[in-house]
Amino acid sequence: MPSSYTTLEAADLDTATAYRLLVGAVVPRPIAWITTRSAAGVVNAAPFSSYNFVAHSPPMLAVNIARREGELKDTARNIVETGEFVVNVATFDLMETMHGCSAEFTPDESEAEALGIGLAPSRHVKPPRVAASPVQMECRLAHTLPLGRGINTLYIGEVLAFHLSSDVFDGRYIDSVKMRPIARLGGPLYAELGAIHNRPQLQKPPR
């Protein structure tokens, strides 16, 4: 076991320090590369790594989006105004493009247009999908949950449709290894899956 510990009381931490500790400790984090469409029709694409699935019947995804200087980010504002978004899985081959979407764009600028991201129409929602992503999930906003001191809000969406590339989907399972998803670490770091360890399932999967 470790020889010593540094103990920090959360109540004594400022926001920046708490954030720095969390993104360093909670790793690796899956990335939601979210496409939305503004009320004016501008397509926004942005990555968020405070994200996961939170229900499977019906399937639901949750993403935490913090305010910037007290204002909603473009993705959050579009989700609130339209109630729709698409989560696209970011892969190793798409990492540079996805990372480019994290730059600051004005609300009337489209990351997809500026970075030349190919888009595909969705079936149930207006925001398009990232065409090159092997897994895309169309979502309709189900719950909005303010958290903490009001900087963070959790947006929970019900998945209306999965779009699954035949390169990674065999009709029953998604091959996570073939997909080569990118995960977020602390600071400027990303990670791939790395070594895979196989252990038998000790519980039955949910039905």
N, C-alpha and C. Protein backbone atom coordinates (compact mmCIF):
# COMPACT_ATOMS: atom_id res chain seq x y z
N MET A 1 0.85 -1.19 0.00
CA MET A 1 0.00 0.00 0.00
C MET A 1 0.88 1.24 0.00
N PRO A 2 0.32 2.40 -0.41
CA PRO A 2 1.13 3.62 -0.47
C PRO A 2 1.75 3.96 0.89
N SER A 3 2.94 4.56 0.85
CA SER A 3 3.64 4.88 2.09
C SER A 3 3.07 6.09 2.80
N SER A 4 2.43 7.00 2.06
CA SER A 4 1.85 8.18 2.69
C SER A 4 0.75 8.75 1.81
N TYR A 5 -0.09 9.57 2.41
CA TYR A 5 -1.20 10.20 1.70
C TYR A 5 -1.21 11.70 1.98
N THR A 6 -1.69 12.48 1.01
CA THR A 6 -2.04 13.87 1.23
C THR A 6 -3.55 13.95 1.29
N THR A 7 -4.09 14.48 2.36
CA THR A 7 -5.54 14.58 2.51
C THR A 7 -5.96 16.03 2.31
N LEU A 8 -6.90 16.24 1.38
CA LEU A 8 -7.43 17.57 1.09
C LEU A 8 -8.92 17.57 1.40
N GLU A 9 -9.35 18.51 2.23
CA GLU A 9 -10.77 18.63 2.54
C GLU A 9 -11.48 19.33 1.39
N ALA A 10 -12.50 18.68 0.85
CA ALA A 10 -13.20 19.24 -0.31
C ALA A 10 -13.79 20.61 -0.03
N ALA A 11 -14.23 20.82 1.21
CA ALA A 11 -14.83 22.12 1.56
C ALA A 11 -13.83 23.27 1.46
N ASP A 12 -12.53 22.95 1.49
CA ASP A 12 -11.51 24.00 1.44
C ASP A 12 -10.99 24.26 0.02
N LEU A 13 -11.48 23.52 -0.96
CA LEU A 13 -10.95 23.62 -2.31
C LEU A 13 -11.71 24.65 -3.14
N ASP A 14 -10.99 25.40 -3.97
CA ASP A 14 -11.68 26.27 -4.92
C ASP A 14 -12.11 25.43 -6.12
N THR A 15 -12.92 26.01 -7.00
CA THR A 15 -13.50 25.27 -8.11
C THR A 15 -12.43 24.69 -9.03
N ALA A 16 -11.41 25.48 -9.35
CA ALA A 16 -10.37 25.03 -10.27
C ALA A 16 -9.59 23.84 -9.71
N THR A 17 -9.31 23.88 -8.42
CA THR A 17 -8.56 22.79 -7.80
C THR A 17 -9.39 21.52 -7.76
N ALA A 18 -10.66 21.63 -7.39
CA ALA A 18 -11.54 20.47 -7.35
C ALA A 18 -11.65 19.84 -8.73
N TYR A 19 -11.78 20.68 -9.75
CA TYR A 19 -11.87 20.17 -11.13
C TYR A 19 -10.59 19.42 -11.50
N ARG A 20 -9.45 20.01 -11.19
CA ARG A 20 -8.16 19.41 -11.53
C ARG A 20 -7.99 18.04 -10.86
N LEU A 21 -8.42 17.92 -9.62
CA LEU A 21 -8.32 16.65 -8.92
C LEU A 21 -9.27 15.60 -9.50
N LEU A 22 -10.48 16.02 -9.82
CA LEU A 22 -11.46 15.07 -10.34
C LEU A 22 -11.05 14.52 -11.70
N VAL A 23 -10.60 15.40 -12.61
CA VAL A 23 -10.25 14.90 -13.95
C VAL A 23 -8.97 14.07 -13.94
N GLY A 24 -8.16 14.23 -12.88
CA GLY A 24 -6.99 13.38 -12.74
C GLY A 24 -7.30 12.06 -12.09
N ALA A 25 -8.32 12.04 -11.24
CA ALA A 25 -8.65 10.83 -10.48
C ALA A 25 -9.66 9.94 -11.20
N VAL A 26 -10.67 10.54 -11.83
CA VAL A 26 -11.72 9.77 -12.47
C VAL A 26 -11.31 9.52 -13.93
N VAL A 27 -10.54 8.47 -14.13
CA VAL A 27 -9.99 8.16 -15.45
C VAL A 27 -10.02 6.65 -15.69
N PRO A 28 -10.05 6.22 -16.95
CA PRO A 28 -10.30 7.05 -18.13
C PRO A 28 -11.78 7.38 -18.24
N ARG A 29 -12.11 8.47 -18.92
CA ARG A 29 -13.50 8.88 -19.06
C ARG A 29 -13.92 8.78 -20.53
N PRO A 30 -15.07 8.15 -20.81
CA PRO A 30 -15.56 8.13 -22.19
C PRO A 30 -15.91 9.54 -22.63
N ILE A 31 -15.87 9.76 -23.92
CA ILE A 31 -16.12 11.09 -24.48
C ILE A 31 -17.42 11.08 -25.27
N ALA A 32 -18.30 12.01 -24.94
CA ALA A 32 -19.51 12.23 -25.74
C ALA A 32 -19.21 13.35 -26.73
N TRP A 33 -19.09 12.99 -27.99
CA TRP A 33 -18.90 13.99 -29.05
C TRP A 33 -20.30 14.35 -29.53
N ILE A 34 -20.80 15.47 -29.04
CA ILE A 34 -22.22 15.79 -29.19
C ILE A 34 -22.44 16.76 -30.35
N THR A 35 -23.38 16.40 -31.20
CA THR A 35 -23.84 17.32 -32.24
C THR A 35 -25.23 17.83 -31.87
N THR A 36 -25.40 19.13 -32.02
CA THR A 36 -26.69 19.77 -31.78
C THR A 36 -26.96 20.75 -32.92
N ARG A 37 -28.17 21.23 -32.97
CA ARG A 37 -28.53 22.26 -33.95
C ARG A 37 -29.20 23.40 -33.20
N SER A 38 -28.74 24.61 -33.42
CA SER A 38 -29.32 25.76 -32.73
C SER A 38 -30.68 26.09 -33.32
N ALA A 39 -31.41 26.95 -32.63
CA ALA A 39 -32.72 27.37 -33.13
C ALA A 39 -32.59 28.06 -34.48
N ALA A 40 -31.40 28.64 -34.75
CA ALA A 40 -31.15 29.32 -36.03
C ALA A 40 -30.64 28.36 -37.09
N GLY A 41 -30.43 27.08 -36.72
CA GLY A 41 -30.01 26.08 -37.69
C GLY A 41 -28.52 25.84 -37.78
N VAL A 42 -27.73 26.43 -36.87
CA VAL A 42 -26.28 26.22 -36.88
C VAL A 42 -25.94 24.89 -36.20
N VAL A 43 -25.16 24.06 -36.88
CA VAL A 43 -24.78 22.76 -36.33
C VAL A 43 -23.54 22.93 -35.45
N ASN A 44 -23.68 22.51 -34.20
CA ASN A 44 -22.59 22.58 -33.23
C ASN A 44 -22.07 21.17 -32.97
N ALA A 45 -20.75 21.04 -32.83
CA ALA A 45 -20.15 19.75 -32.47
C ALA A 45 -19.11 19.99 -31.39
N ALA A 46 -19.23 19.30 -30.26
CA ALA A 46 -18.31 19.55 -29.15
C ALA A 46 -18.16 18.29 -28.30
N PRO A 47 -16.95 18.04 -27.76
CA PRO A 47 -16.72 16.87 -26.92
C PRO A 47 -16.88 17.18 -25.43
N PHE A 48 -17.41 16.20 -24.69
CA PHE A 48 -17.58 16.31 -23.24
C PHE A 48 -17.23 14.97 -22.62
N SER A 49 -16.40 15.01 -21.56
CA SER A 49 -15.95 13.76 -20.96
C SER A 49 -16.53 13.47 -19.59
N SER A 50 -17.47 14.30 -19.13
CA SER A 50 -18.21 13.97 -17.92
C SER A 50 -19.53 13.35 -18.40
N TYR A 51 -19.47 12.06 -18.75
CA TYR A 51 -20.53 11.44 -19.55
C TYR A 51 -20.58 9.94 -19.31
N ASN A 52 -21.79 9.36 -19.36
CA ASN A 52 -21.93 7.91 -19.26
C ASN A 52 -23.37 7.53 -19.55
N PHE A 53 -23.64 6.22 -19.62
CA PHE A 53 -25.04 5.80 -19.70
C PHE A 53 -25.57 5.65 -18.28
N VAL A 54 -26.85 5.93 -18.08
CA VAL A 54 -27.42 5.91 -16.74
C VAL A 54 -28.66 5.03 -16.63
N ALA A 55 -29.15 4.52 -17.74
CA ALA A 55 -30.29 3.60 -17.72
C ALA A 55 -30.26 2.79 -19.01
N HIS A 56 -30.88 1.60 -18.97
CA HIS A 56 -30.91 0.77 -20.17
C HIS A 56 -32.32 0.39 -20.58
N SER A 57 -33.34 0.76 -19.80
CA SER A 57 -34.71 0.42 -20.17
C SER A 57 -35.65 1.58 -19.81
N PRO A 58 -35.82 2.57 -20.67
CA PRO A 58 -35.20 2.71 -22.00
C PRO A 58 -33.75 3.15 -21.86
N PRO A 59 -32.97 3.00 -22.95
CA PRO A 59 -31.57 3.44 -22.88
C PRO A 59 -31.48 4.95 -22.70
N MET A 60 -30.66 5.38 -21.75
CA MET A 60 -30.52 6.81 -21.47
C MET A 60 -29.05 7.15 -21.23
N LEU A 61 -28.64 8.30 -21.71
CA LEU A 61 -27.30 8.82 -21.55
C LEU A 61 -27.34 10.10 -20.75
N ALA A 62 -26.27 10.37 -19.99
CA ALA A 62 -26.20 11.61 -19.21
C ALA A 62 -24.87 12.29 -19.48
N VAL A 63 -24.92 13.60 -19.65
CA VAL A 63 -23.70 14.38 -19.83
C VAL A 63 -23.77 15.62 -18.95
N ASN A 64 -22.70 15.88 -18.24
CA ASN A 64 -22.60 17.06 -17.39
C ASN A 64 -21.92 18.17 -18.20
N ILE A 65 -22.59 19.30 -18.34
CA ILE A 65 -22.02 20.43 -19.08
C ILE A 65 -21.98 21.63 -18.14
N ALA A 66 -20.77 22.11 -17.89
CA ALA A 66 -20.59 23.26 -17.00
C ALA A 66 -20.83 24.56 -17.74
N ARG A 67 -21.24 25.57 -17.00
CA ARG A 67 -21.36 26.90 -17.58
C ARG A 67 -19.97 27.51 -17.74
N ARG A 68 -19.84 28.41 -18.69
CA ARG A 68 -18.60 29.15 -18.88
C ARG A 68 -18.87 30.62 -18.55
N GLU A 69 -18.22 31.10 -17.49
CA GLU A 69 -18.40 32.48 -17.03
C GLU A 69 -19.88 32.80 -16.82
N GLY A 70 -20.60 31.83 -16.27
CA GLY A 70 -22.00 32.01 -15.93
C GLY A 70 -22.98 31.79 -17.07
N GLU A 71 -22.47 31.56 -18.27
CA GLU A 71 -23.34 31.40 -19.44
C GLU A 71 -23.36 29.95 -19.91
N LEU A 72 -24.49 29.53 -20.48
CA LEU A 72 -24.57 28.19 -21.04
C LEU A 72 -23.65 28.08 -22.25
N LYS A 73 -22.97 26.94 -22.35
CA LYS A 73 -22.20 26.67 -23.55
C LYS A 73 -23.17 26.41 -24.71
N ASP A 74 -22.66 26.52 -25.93
CA ASP A 74 -23.52 26.38 -27.11
C ASP A 74 -24.28 25.05 -27.09
N THR A 75 -23.58 23.96 -26.76
CA THR A 75 -24.23 22.65 -26.74
C THR A 75 -25.38 22.61 -25.75
N ALA A 76 -25.14 23.10 -24.54
CA ALA A 76 -26.19 23.10 -23.52
C ALA A 76 -27.37 23.97 -23.93
N ARG A 77 -27.07 25.14 -24.45
CA ARG A 77 -28.16 26.02 -24.87
C ARG A 77 -28.99 25.38 -25.98
N ASN A 78 -28.33 24.74 -26.93
CA ASN A 78 -29.06 24.08 -28.02
C ASN A 78 -29.92 22.92 -27.49
N ILE A 79 -29.38 22.15 -26.54
CA ILE A 79 -30.14 21.05 -25.97
C ILE A 79 -31.38 21.58 -25.24
N VAL A 80 -31.21 22.65 -24.47
CA VAL A 80 -32.34 23.23 -23.73
C VAL A 80 -33.39 23.78 -24.70
N GLU A 81 -32.94 24.46 -25.74
CA GLU A 81 -33.88 25.12 -26.66
C GLU A 81 -34.59 24.15 -27.59
N THR A 82 -33.91 23.07 -27.99
CA THR A 82 -34.51 22.15 -28.96
C THR A 82 -34.89 20.80 -28.38
N GLY A 83 -34.27 20.42 -27.24
CA GLY A 83 -34.56 19.13 -26.63
C GLY A 83 -33.97 17.95 -27.38
N GLU A 84 -32.98 18.20 -28.25
CA GLU A 84 -32.44 17.12 -29.07
C GLU A 84 -30.92 17.20 -29.16
N PHE A 85 -30.28 16.03 -29.27
CA PHE A 85 -28.84 15.98 -29.50
C PHE A 85 -28.46 14.59 -29.97
N VAL A 86 -27.25 14.47 -30.51
CA VAL A 86 -26.72 13.18 -30.95
C VAL A 86 -25.37 12.98 -30.29
N VAL A 87 -25.15 11.81 -29.71
CA VAL A 87 -23.85 11.44 -29.15
C VAL A 87 -23.14 10.55 -30.15
N ASN A 88 -21.97 11.00 -30.60
CA ASN A 88 -21.15 10.25 -31.56
C ASN A 88 -19.91 9.73 -30.82
N VAL A 89 -19.57 8.46 -31.01
CA VAL A 89 -18.38 7.92 -30.35
C VAL A 89 -17.14 8.42 -31.08
N ALA A 90 -16.22 8.98 -30.32
CA ALA A 90 -14.95 9.46 -30.88
C ALA A 90 -13.93 8.33 -30.86
N THR A 91 -13.26 8.11 -31.97
CA THR A 91 -12.30 7.03 -32.10
C THR A 91 -10.89 7.60 -32.34
N PHE A 92 -9.91 6.71 -32.32
CA PHE A 92 -8.53 7.13 -32.54
C PHE A 92 -8.38 7.86 -33.87
N ASP A 93 -9.02 7.35 -34.92
CA ASP A 93 -8.90 7.96 -36.24
C ASP A 93 -9.54 9.35 -36.29
N LEU A 94 -10.47 9.61 -35.40
CA LEU A 94 -11.19 10.90 -35.39
C LEU A 94 -10.70 11.83 -34.29
N MET A 95 -9.66 11.43 -33.57
CA MET A 95 -9.24 12.19 -32.39
C MET A 95 -8.88 13.63 -32.70
N GLU A 96 -8.11 13.87 -33.74
CA GLU A 96 -7.67 15.24 -34.03
C GLU A 96 -8.86 16.13 -34.37
N THR A 97 -9.79 15.62 -35.16
CA THR A 97 -10.97 16.40 -35.51
C THR A 97 -11.83 16.67 -34.28
N MET A 98 -12.04 15.62 -33.48
CA MET A 98 -12.81 15.78 -32.25
C MET A 98 -12.16 16.80 -31.32
N HIS A 99 -10.84 16.70 -31.16
CA HIS A 99 -10.12 17.64 -30.30
C HIS A 99 -10.26 19.07 -30.82
N GLY A 100 -10.24 19.24 -32.12
CA GLY A 100 -10.40 20.57 -32.70
C GLY A 100 -11.73 21.20 -32.35
N CYS A 101 -12.73 20.37 -32.12
CA CYS A 101 -14.06 20.88 -31.75
C CYS A 101 -14.09 21.47 -30.35
N SER A 102 -13.05 21.22 -29.54
CA SER A 102 -13.03 21.76 -28.18
C SER A 102 -12.57 23.22 -28.14
N ALA A 103 -12.11 23.75 -29.27
CA ALA A 103 -11.74 25.17 -29.33
C ALA A 103 -12.98 26.04 -29.17
N GLU A 104 -12.79 27.28 -28.80
CA GLU A 104 -13.93 28.19 -28.61
C GLU A 104 -14.39 28.76 -29.96
N PHE A 105 -15.64 28.48 -30.29
CA PHE A 105 -16.28 29.03 -31.48
C PHE A 105 -17.42 29.91 -31.02
N THR A 106 -17.75 30.92 -31.80
CA THR A 106 -18.90 31.77 -31.47
C THR A 106 -20.18 30.99 -31.77
N PRO A 107 -21.31 31.38 -31.17
CA PRO A 107 -22.55 30.64 -31.38
C PRO A 107 -22.99 30.55 -32.83
N ASP A 108 -22.59 31.52 -33.65
CA ASP A 108 -23.02 31.48 -35.05
C ASP A 108 -21.99 30.78 -35.95
N GLU A 109 -20.95 30.21 -35.35
CA GLU A 109 -19.97 29.44 -36.10
C GLU A 109 -20.23 27.95 -35.92
N SER A 110 -20.14 27.20 -36.99
CA SER A 110 -20.33 25.75 -36.94
C SER A 110 -18.98 25.06 -36.95
N GLU A 111 -18.70 24.29 -35.89
CA GLU A 111 -17.47 23.51 -35.86
C GLU A 111 -17.42 22.52 -37.03
N ALA A 112 -18.57 21.94 -37.34
CA ALA A 112 -18.63 20.97 -38.44
C ALA A 112 -18.21 21.61 -39.75
N GLU A 113 -18.69 22.81 -39.99
CA GLU A 113 -18.35 23.51 -41.23
C GLU A 113 -16.89 23.97 -41.21
N ALA A 114 -16.46 24.53 -40.09
CA ALA A 114 -15.10 25.05 -40.00
C ALA A 114 -14.05 23.95 -40.13
N LEU A 115 -14.34 22.77 -39.60
CA LEU A 115 -13.36 21.67 -39.59
C LEU A 115 -13.61 20.64 -40.69
N GLY A 116 -14.62 20.88 -41.52
CA GLY A 116 -14.91 19.97 -42.61
C GLY A 116 -15.39 18.61 -42.17
N ILE A 117 -16.21 18.59 -41.13
CA ILE A 117 -16.72 17.31 -40.61
C ILE A 117 -17.91 16.85 -41.45
N GLY A 118 -17.81 15.66 -42.00
CA GLY A 118 -18.92 15.10 -42.76
C GLY A 118 -20.09 14.74 -41.86
N LEU A 119 -21.29 15.10 -42.29
CA LEU A 119 -22.48 14.87 -41.47
C LEU A 119 -23.47 13.97 -42.20
N ALA A 120 -24.30 13.29 -41.43
CA ALA A 120 -25.35 12.43 -41.97
C ALA A 120 -26.65 12.79 -41.28
N PRO A 121 -27.78 12.77 -42.00
CA PRO A 121 -29.06 13.11 -41.37
C PRO A 121 -29.48 12.09 -40.34
N SER A 122 -30.12 12.57 -39.28
CA SER A 122 -30.67 11.68 -38.27
C SER A 122 -32.07 11.26 -38.66
N ARG A 123 -32.59 10.25 -37.98
CA ARG A 123 -33.92 9.74 -38.30
C ARG A 123 -35.01 10.39 -37.47
N HIS A 124 -34.73 10.66 -36.17
CA HIS A 124 -35.76 11.15 -35.26
C HIS A 124 -35.54 12.58 -34.77
N VAL A 125 -34.32 13.08 -34.89
CA VAL A 125 -34.01 14.42 -34.37
C VAL A 125 -33.39 15.26 -35.48
N LYS A 126 -33.41 16.58 -35.28
CA LYS A 126 -32.87 17.48 -36.30
C LYS A 126 -31.34 17.55 -36.33
N PRO A 127 -30.65 17.48 -35.19
CA PRO A 127 -29.20 17.51 -35.26
C PRO A 127 -28.66 16.33 -36.08
N PRO A 128 -27.69 16.58 -36.96
CA PRO A 128 -27.13 15.49 -37.76
C PRO A 128 -26.12 14.68 -36.97
N ARG A 129 -25.71 13.56 -37.55
CA ARG A 129 -24.71 12.69 -36.96
C ARG A 129 -23.34 12.96 -37.59
N VAL A 130 -22.27 12.64 -36.85
CA VAL A 130 -20.93 12.67 -37.43
C VAL A 130 -20.79 11.41 -38.28
N ALA A 131 -20.73 11.57 -39.58
CA ALA A 131 -20.83 10.43 -40.49
C ALA A 131 -19.72 9.40 -40.29
N ALA A 132 -18.52 9.85 -39.91
CA ALA A 132 -17.39 8.93 -39.77
C ALA A 132 -17.37 8.17 -38.46
N SER A 133 -18.19 8.56 -37.51
CA SER A 133 -18.22 7.87 -36.22
C SER A 133 -18.88 6.50 -36.40
N PRO A 134 -18.30 5.44 -35.82
CA PRO A 134 -18.88 4.11 -36.00
C PRO A 134 -20.13 3.85 -35.16
N VAL A 135 -20.35 4.67 -34.14
CA VAL A 135 -21.54 4.53 -33.29
C VAL A 135 -22.11 5.91 -33.02
N GLN A 136 -23.39 6.07 -33.36
CA GLN A 136 -24.07 7.36 -33.18
C GLN A 136 -25.41 7.09 -32.50
N MET A 137 -25.74 7.91 -31.50
CA MET A 137 -26.97 7.70 -30.74
C MET A 137 -27.82 8.95 -30.72
N GLU A 138 -28.97 8.87 -31.35
CA GLU A 138 -29.90 10.00 -31.38
C GLU A 138 -30.62 10.10 -30.03
N CYS A 139 -30.67 11.29 -29.46
CA CYS A 139 -31.24 11.45 -28.12
C CYS A 139 -32.26 12.57 -28.06
N ARG A 140 -33.26 12.36 -27.22
CA ARG A 140 -34.23 13.41 -26.88
C ARG A 140 -34.09 13.71 -25.39
N LEU A 141 -34.00 14.99 -25.04
CA LEU A 141 -33.81 15.39 -23.65
C LEU A 141 -34.97 14.88 -22.79
N ALA A 142 -34.63 14.20 -21.69
CA ALA A 142 -35.64 13.68 -20.77
C ALA A 142 -35.63 14.40 -19.44
N HIS A 143 -34.44 14.74 -18.93
CA HIS A 143 -34.33 15.39 -17.63
C HIS A 143 -33.18 16.39 -17.66
N THR A 144 -33.37 17.47 -16.93
CA THR A 144 -32.32 18.46 -16.72
C THR A 144 -32.15 18.62 -15.22
N LEU A 145 -30.94 18.36 -14.71
CA LEU A 145 -30.71 18.34 -13.27
C LEU A 145 -29.57 19.28 -12.89
N PRO A 146 -29.88 20.46 -12.32
CA PRO A 146 -28.81 21.35 -11.84
C PRO A 146 -28.06 20.68 -10.69
N LEU A 147 -26.74 20.88 -10.66
CA LEU A 147 -25.91 20.23 -9.64
C LEU A 147 -25.05 21.25 -8.91
N GLY A 148 -24.73 20.92 -7.66
CA GLY A 148 -23.79 21.72 -6.89
C GLY A 148 -24.20 23.17 -6.74
N ARG A 149 -23.24 24.07 -7.01
CA ARG A 149 -23.46 25.51 -6.84
C ARG A 149 -24.08 26.17 -8.06
N GLY A 150 -24.51 25.37 -9.02
CA GLY A 150 -25.16 25.93 -10.20
C GLY A 150 -24.26 26.06 -11.41
N ILE A 151 -22.98 25.69 -11.27
CA ILE A 151 -22.08 25.73 -12.42
C ILE A 151 -22.36 24.56 -13.36
N ASN A 152 -22.68 23.42 -12.78
CA ASN A 152 -22.87 22.20 -13.57
C ASN A 152 -24.34 21.84 -13.70
N THR A 153 -24.69 21.30 -14.86
CA THR A 153 -26.03 20.77 -15.08
C THR A 153 -25.90 19.42 -15.78
N LEU A 154 -26.67 18.44 -15.30
CA LEU A 154 -26.68 17.12 -15.91
C LEU A 154 -27.86 17.04 -16.88
N TYR A 155 -27.54 16.76 -18.13
CA TYR A 155 -28.57 16.61 -19.16
C TYR A 155 -28.71 15.13 -19.47
N ILE A 156 -29.91 14.60 -19.26
CA ILE A 156 -30.16 13.18 -19.47
C ILE A 156 -31.06 13.02 -20.68
N GLY A 157 -30.58 12.25 -21.65
CA GLY A 157 -31.35 12.05 -22.87
C GLY A 157 -31.73 10.60 -23.07
N GLU A 158 -32.92 10.37 -23.58
CA GLU A 158 -33.34 9.02 -23.96
C GLU A 158 -32.85 8.75 -25.38
N VAL A 159 -32.21 7.60 -25.54
CA VAL A 159 -31.72 7.22 -26.86
C VAL A 159 -32.90 6.74 -27.70
N LEU A 160 -33.11 7.40 -28.84
CA LEU A 160 -34.21 7.04 -29.74
C LEU A 160 -33.77 6.06 -30.82
N ALA A 161 -32.49 6.12 -31.18
CA ALA A 161 -31.98 5.23 -32.23
C ALA A 161 -30.47 5.10 -32.10
N PHE A 162 -29.97 3.89 -32.33
CA PHE A 162 -28.54 3.62 -32.44
C PHE A 162 -28.21 3.44 -33.91
N HIS A 163 -27.15 4.06 -34.38
CA HIS A 163 -26.64 3.84 -35.73
C HIS A 163 -25.28 3.18 -35.56
N LEU A 164 -25.14 1.94 -36.05
CA LEU A 164 -23.98 1.11 -35.74
C LEU A 164 -23.31 0.65 -37.03
N SER A 165 -22.04 0.99 -37.19
CA SER A 165 -21.29 0.59 -38.37
C SER A 165 -21.07 -0.92 -38.38
N SER A 166 -21.20 -1.52 -39.57
CA SER A 166 -20.94 -2.96 -39.70
C SER A 166 -19.47 -3.28 -39.43
N ASP A 167 -18.61 -2.27 -39.41
CA ASP A 167 -17.20 -2.50 -39.08
C ASP A 167 -17.01 -2.90 -37.62
N VAL A 168 -17.95 -2.49 -36.76
CA VAL A 168 -17.80 -2.78 -35.33
C VAL A 168 -18.99 -3.54 -34.73
N PHE A 169 -20.07 -3.72 -35.51
CA PHE A 169 -21.29 -4.35 -34.98
C PHE A 169 -21.61 -5.59 -35.79
N ASP A 170 -21.73 -6.74 -35.09
CA ASP A 170 -21.98 -8.01 -35.77
C ASP A 170 -23.45 -8.41 -35.77
N GLY A 171 -24.32 -7.50 -35.39
CA GLY A 171 -25.74 -7.80 -35.32
C GLY A 171 -26.21 -8.07 -33.91
N ARG A 172 -25.27 -8.29 -32.99
CA ARG A 172 -25.61 -8.52 -31.59
C ARG A 172 -24.71 -7.71 -30.65
N TYR A 173 -23.43 -7.71 -30.91
CA TYR A 173 -22.46 -7.04 -30.03
C TYR A 173 -21.67 -5.97 -30.78
N ILE A 174 -21.30 -4.93 -30.04
CA ILE A 174 -20.35 -3.93 -30.55
C ILE A 174 -18.95 -4.38 -30.14
N ASP A 175 -18.04 -4.43 -31.09
CA ASP A 175 -16.66 -4.81 -30.82
C ASP A 175 -15.89 -3.56 -30.38
N SER A 176 -15.74 -3.40 -29.07
CA SER A 176 -15.09 -2.20 -28.54
C SER A 176 -13.64 -2.09 -28.98
N VAL A 177 -12.97 -3.24 -29.15
CA VAL A 177 -11.56 -3.22 -29.55
C VAL A 177 -11.43 -2.70 -30.97
N LYS A 178 -12.25 -3.21 -31.88
CA LYS A 178 -12.21 -2.72 -33.26
C LYS A 178 -12.59 -1.25 -33.35
N MET A 179 -13.47 -0.81 -32.47
CA MET A 179 -13.94 0.57 -32.50
C MET A 179 -12.82 1.57 -32.18
N ARG A 180 -11.88 1.17 -31.33
CA ARG A 180 -10.75 2.01 -30.91
C ARG A 180 -11.22 3.36 -30.34
N PRO A 181 -12.06 3.32 -29.30
CA PRO A 181 -12.55 4.57 -28.73
C PRO A 181 -11.43 5.33 -28.03
N ILE A 182 -11.58 6.64 -27.98
CA ILE A 182 -10.65 7.51 -27.28
C ILE A 182 -11.25 7.90 -25.94
N ALA A 183 -10.43 7.87 -24.90
CA ALA A 183 -10.87 8.26 -23.56
C ALA A 183 -10.10 9.48 -23.10
N ARG A 184 -10.63 10.20 -22.14
CA ARG A 184 -10.01 11.42 -21.63
C ARG A 184 -9.31 11.13 -20.31
N LEU A 185 -8.12 11.68 -20.16
CA LEU A 185 -7.39 11.66 -18.90
C LEU A 185 -7.31 13.09 -18.38
N GLY A 186 -6.47 13.34 -17.38
CA GLY A 186 -6.32 14.69 -16.88
C GLY A 186 -5.50 15.56 -17.82
N GLY A 187 -5.64 16.88 -17.68
CA GLY A 187 -4.86 17.82 -18.47
C GLY A 187 -5.09 17.65 -19.96
N PRO A 188 -4.00 17.62 -20.76
CA PRO A 188 -4.15 17.54 -22.22
C PRO A 188 -4.14 16.12 -22.76
N LEU A 189 -4.30 15.13 -21.89
CA LEU A 189 -4.04 13.74 -22.27
C LEU A 189 -5.30 12.97 -22.70
N TYR A 190 -5.11 12.15 -23.73
CA TYR A 190 -6.11 11.18 -24.17
C TYR A 190 -5.50 9.79 -24.04
N ALA A 191 -6.35 8.76 -24.11
CA ALA A 191 -5.85 7.39 -24.02
C ALA A 191 -6.65 6.47 -24.92
N GLU A 192 -6.00 5.37 -25.36
CA GLU A 192 -6.68 4.29 -26.04
C GLU A 192 -6.99 3.20 -25.02
N LEU A 193 -7.57 2.10 -25.49
CA LEU A 193 -7.97 1.05 -24.57
C LEU A 193 -6.80 0.39 -23.87
N GLY A 194 -5.69 0.20 -24.56
CA GLY A 194 -4.56 -0.48 -23.93
C GLY A 194 -4.82 -1.98 -23.79
N ALA A 195 -4.21 -2.59 -22.79
CA ALA A 195 -4.34 -4.04 -22.58
C ALA A 195 -5.78 -4.40 -22.23
N ILE A 196 -6.25 -5.52 -22.75
CA ILE A 196 -7.60 -6.02 -22.49
C ILE A 196 -7.48 -7.28 -21.62
N HIS A 197 -8.23 -7.34 -20.52
CA HIS A 197 -8.18 -8.47 -19.59
C HIS A 197 -9.54 -9.16 -19.56
N ASN A 198 -9.57 -10.43 -19.84
CA ASN A 198 -10.81 -11.20 -19.94
C ASN A 198 -11.09 -11.92 -18.63
N ARG A 199 -12.27 -11.70 -18.06
CA ARG A 199 -12.71 -12.42 -16.87
C ARG A 199 -14.15 -12.86 -17.10
N PRO A 200 -14.56 -14.03 -16.59
CA PRO A 200 -15.94 -14.49 -16.77
C PRO A 200 -16.92 -13.59 -16.05
N GLN A 201 -18.10 -13.42 -16.66
CA GLN A 201 -19.15 -12.63 -16.01
C GLN A 201 -19.67 -13.38 -14.80
N LEU A 202 -19.78 -12.69 -13.67
CA LEU A 202 -20.25 -13.33 -12.44
C LEU A 202 -21.71 -13.02 -12.14
N GLN A 203 -22.32 -12.15 -12.96
CA GLN A 203 -23.74 -11.85 -12.82
C GLN A 203 -24.38 -11.91 -14.21
N LYS A 204 -25.63 -12.25 -14.24
CA LYS A 204 -26.35 -12.26 -15.51
C LYS A 204 -26.57 -10.84 -16.01
N PRO A 205 -26.46 -10.62 -17.31
CA PRO A 205 -26.73 -9.27 -17.83
C PRO A 205 -28.19 -8.90 -17.64
N PRO A 206 -28.50 -7.61 -17.56
CA PRO A 206 -29.89 -7.19 -17.37
C PRO A 206 -30.77 -7.55 -18.56
N ARG A 207 -32.04 -7.79 -18.25
CA ARG A 207 -33.01 -8.10 -19.30
C ARG A 207 -34.15 -7.10 -19.25
